[in-house]
Amino acid sequence: MKKIVETVGFLVFIQGVGGLLYEWTGWFRFWTLVRHIDFLGDRMLFVNIVLVVAGAAVMIAADSIKT
């Protein structure tokens, strides 16, 4: 279970980083999922920062899971 939570946290973190890179440089256009959600159109930078923080928090919280 710990590895699954760490993997989910890593994927969320990578989505946020990829979204930030897309916002700042235009790279990773097809790779980020947040870009494809229409109602987040003008809040994409904020959402990507939240994804980075949430992904890091999930990865840190995965250490508290006992195996």
N, C-alpha and C. Protein backbone atom coordinates (compact mmCIF):
# COMPACT_ATOMS: atom_id res chain seq x y z
N MET A 1 0.82 -1.20 0.00
CA MET A 1 0.00 0.00 0.00
C MET A 1 0.86 1.26 0.00
N LYS A 2 1.99 1.20 0.70
CA LYS A 2 2.87 2.36 0.78
C LYS A 2 3.41 2.73 -0.60
N LYS A 3 3.78 1.75 -1.39
CA LYS A 3 4.30 2.01 -2.74
C LYS A 3 3.23 2.62 -3.64
N ILE A 4 1.99 2.19 -3.49
CA ILE A 4 0.90 2.73 -4.30
C ILE A 4 0.68 4.21 -3.97
N VAL A 5 0.68 4.54 -2.69
CA VAL A 5 0.48 5.93 -2.27
C VAL A 5 1.65 6.79 -2.74
N GLU A 6 2.88 6.27 -2.64
CA GLU A 6 4.04 7.01 -3.12
C GLU A 6 3.97 7.22 -4.63
N THR A 7 3.51 6.22 -5.36
CA THR A 7 3.39 6.34 -6.81
C THR A 7 2.34 7.38 -7.20
N VAL A 8 1.20 7.35 -6.51
CA VAL A 8 0.15 8.34 -6.79
C VAL A 8 0.67 9.75 -6.48
N GLY A 9 1.34 9.91 -5.36
CA GLY A 9 1.91 11.21 -5.01
C GLY A 9 2.93 11.68 -6.03
N PHE A 10 3.75 10.76 -6.53
CA PHE A 10 4.75 11.10 -7.53
C PHE A 10 4.09 11.52 -8.84
N LEU A 11 3.03 10.80 -9.24
CA LEU A 11 2.33 11.16 -10.48
C LEU A 11 1.66 12.53 -10.38
N VAL A 12 1.07 12.82 -9.22
CA VAL A 12 0.45 14.14 -9.02
C VAL A 12 1.52 15.23 -9.05
N PHE A 13 2.65 14.97 -8.41
CA PHE A 13 3.76 15.92 -8.39
C PHE A 13 4.28 16.18 -9.80
N ILE A 14 4.46 15.13 -10.58
CA ILE A 14 4.97 15.26 -11.94
C ILE A 14 3.97 16.01 -12.83
N GLN A 15 2.67 15.77 -12.63
CA GLN A 15 1.67 16.51 -13.39
C GLN A 15 1.76 18.01 -13.09
N GLY A 16 1.96 18.35 -11.82
CA GLY A 16 2.10 19.75 -11.46
C GLY A 16 3.35 20.38 -12.04
N VAL A 17 4.47 19.67 -11.98
CA VAL A 17 5.72 20.19 -12.55
C VAL A 17 5.60 20.33 -14.06
N GLY A 18 5.02 19.33 -14.70
CA GLY A 18 4.82 19.41 -16.15
C GLY A 18 3.91 20.56 -16.53
N GLY A 19 2.88 20.80 -15.74
CA GLY A 19 1.98 21.92 -16.00
C GLY A 19 2.67 23.26 -15.83
N LEU A 20 3.53 23.35 -14.81
CA LEU A 20 4.29 24.59 -14.63
C LEU A 20 5.26 24.81 -15.78
N LEU A 21 5.91 23.75 -16.22
CA LEU A 21 6.81 23.88 -17.36
C LEU A 21 6.05 24.29 -18.62
N TYR A 22 4.85 23.76 -18.78
CA TYR A 22 4.03 24.16 -19.93
C TYR A 22 3.64 25.63 -19.84
N GLU A 23 3.26 26.09 -18.65
CA GLU A 23 2.88 27.48 -18.48
C GLU A 23 4.04 28.43 -18.74
N TRP A 24 5.23 28.06 -18.29
CA TRP A 24 6.38 28.95 -18.39
C TRP A 24 7.12 28.85 -19.72
N THR A 25 7.19 27.65 -20.31
CA THR A 25 8.01 27.48 -21.51
C THR A 25 7.24 26.99 -22.73
N GLY A 26 6.07 26.41 -22.54
CA GLY A 26 5.31 25.87 -23.67
C GLY A 26 5.63 24.40 -23.96
N TRP A 27 6.49 23.79 -23.17
CA TRP A 27 6.82 22.38 -23.36
C TRP A 27 5.76 21.50 -22.72
N PHE A 28 5.78 20.22 -23.01
CA PHE A 28 4.88 19.21 -22.43
C PHE A 28 3.41 19.53 -22.71
N ARG A 29 3.12 19.97 -23.90
CA ARG A 29 1.77 20.39 -24.26
C ARG A 29 0.76 19.25 -24.17
N PHE A 30 1.12 18.07 -24.64
CA PHE A 30 0.18 16.94 -24.65
C PHE A 30 0.24 16.12 -23.38
N TRP A 31 1.24 16.35 -22.56
CA TRP A 31 1.49 15.50 -21.41
C TRP A 31 0.70 15.91 -20.17
N THR A 32 0.38 17.18 -20.04
CA THR A 32 -0.30 17.64 -18.83
C THR A 32 -1.81 17.47 -18.96
N LEU A 33 -2.43 16.98 -17.92
CA LEU A 33 -3.86 16.71 -17.94
C LEU A 33 -4.70 17.92 -17.57
N VAL A 34 -4.16 18.80 -16.75
CA VAL A 34 -4.92 19.96 -16.28
C VAL A 34 -5.27 20.88 -17.45
N ARG A 35 -4.42 20.92 -18.44
CA ARG A 35 -4.64 21.79 -19.60
C ARG A 35 -5.91 21.41 -20.36
N HIS A 36 -6.31 20.16 -20.27
CA HIS A 36 -7.46 19.66 -21.02
C HIS A 36 -8.79 19.85 -20.28
N ILE A 37 -8.76 20.36 -19.06
CA ILE A 37 -9.98 20.59 -18.29
C ILE A 37 -10.41 22.03 -18.52
N ASP A 38 -11.56 22.21 -19.14
CA ASP A 38 -11.98 23.53 -19.62
C ASP A 38 -12.24 24.54 -18.51
N PHE A 39 -12.90 24.15 -17.42
CA PHE A 39 -13.28 25.13 -16.41
C PHE A 39 -12.10 25.61 -15.57
N LEU A 40 -10.91 25.03 -15.76
CA LEU A 40 -9.71 25.50 -15.06
C LEU A 40 -8.86 26.41 -15.93
N GLY A 41 -9.41 26.88 -17.03
CA GLY A 41 -8.66 27.61 -18.04
C GLY A 41 -7.84 28.78 -17.53
N ASP A 42 -8.43 29.65 -16.73
CA ASP A 42 -7.70 30.83 -16.28
C ASP A 42 -7.01 30.64 -14.93
N ARG A 43 -7.12 29.45 -14.36
CA ARG A 43 -6.50 29.16 -13.05
C ARG A 43 -5.43 28.09 -13.15
N MET A 44 -4.89 27.86 -14.33
CA MET A 44 -3.98 26.72 -14.51
C MET A 44 -2.69 26.85 -13.70
N LEU A 45 -2.15 28.04 -13.57
CA LEU A 45 -0.93 28.21 -12.80
C LEU A 45 -1.16 27.86 -11.34
N PHE A 46 -2.24 28.35 -10.76
CA PHE A 46 -2.57 28.04 -9.37
C PHE A 46 -2.82 26.55 -9.17
N VAL A 47 -3.54 25.93 -10.09
CA VAL A 47 -3.84 24.49 -9.98
C VAL A 47 -2.56 23.67 -10.06
N ASN A 48 -1.64 24.06 -10.91
CA ASN A 48 -0.38 23.32 -11.03
C ASN A 48 0.48 23.47 -9.77
N ILE A 49 0.47 24.64 -9.16
CA ILE A 49 1.19 24.81 -7.90
C ILE A 49 0.56 23.95 -6.81
N VAL A 50 -0.76 23.90 -6.77
CA VAL A 50 -1.45 23.04 -5.80
C VAL A 50 -1.12 21.57 -6.04
N LEU A 51 -1.03 21.15 -7.29
CA LEU A 51 -0.67 19.77 -7.59
C LEU A 51 0.75 19.44 -7.12
N VAL A 52 1.68 20.35 -7.30
CA VAL A 52 3.05 20.12 -6.83
C VAL A 52 3.07 19.96 -5.31
N VAL A 53 2.39 20.86 -4.61
CA VAL A 53 2.37 20.80 -3.14
C VAL A 53 1.63 19.56 -2.65
N ALA A 54 0.51 19.24 -3.27
CA ALA A 54 -0.26 18.06 -2.85
C ALA A 54 0.51 16.77 -3.13
N GLY A 55 1.18 16.70 -4.26
CA GLY A 55 1.97 15.51 -4.57
C GLY A 55 3.11 15.33 -3.59
N ALA A 56 3.78 16.41 -3.24
CA ALA A 56 4.86 16.33 -2.25
C ALA A 56 4.30 15.92 -0.89
N ALA A 57 3.15 16.45 -0.52
CA ALA A 57 2.55 16.10 0.77
C ALA A 57 2.15 14.63 0.82
N VAL A 58 1.63 14.11 -0.27
CA VAL A 58 1.24 12.69 -0.30
C VAL A 58 2.47 11.81 -0.21
N MET A 59 3.55 12.18 -0.89
CA MET A 59 4.77 11.38 -0.82
C MET A 59 5.36 11.41 0.59
N ILE A 60 5.30 12.55 1.25
CA ILE A 60 5.81 12.65 2.62
C ILE A 60 4.90 11.86 3.57
N ALA A 61 3.59 11.95 3.36
CA ALA A 61 2.65 11.23 4.23
C ALA A 61 2.74 9.72 4.05
N ALA A 62 3.24 9.27 2.91
CA ALA A 62 3.36 7.83 2.68
C ALA A 62 4.36 7.20 3.62
N ASP A 63 5.28 7.98 4.16
CA ASP A 63 6.24 7.43 5.11
C ASP A 63 5.60 7.00 6.42
N SER A 64 4.45 7.56 6.75
CA SER A 64 3.79 7.20 8.00
C SER A 64 2.98 5.92 7.90
N ILE A 65 2.83 5.38 6.70
CA ILE A 65 2.09 4.14 6.51
C ILE A 65 2.96 2.96 6.95
N LYS A 66 2.45 2.16 7.81
CA LYS A 66 3.18 0.97 8.27
C LYS A 66 2.97 -0.16 7.28
N THR A 67 4.03 -0.89 7.01
CA THR A 67 3.91 -2.03 6.08
C THR A 67 3.78 -3.34 6.82
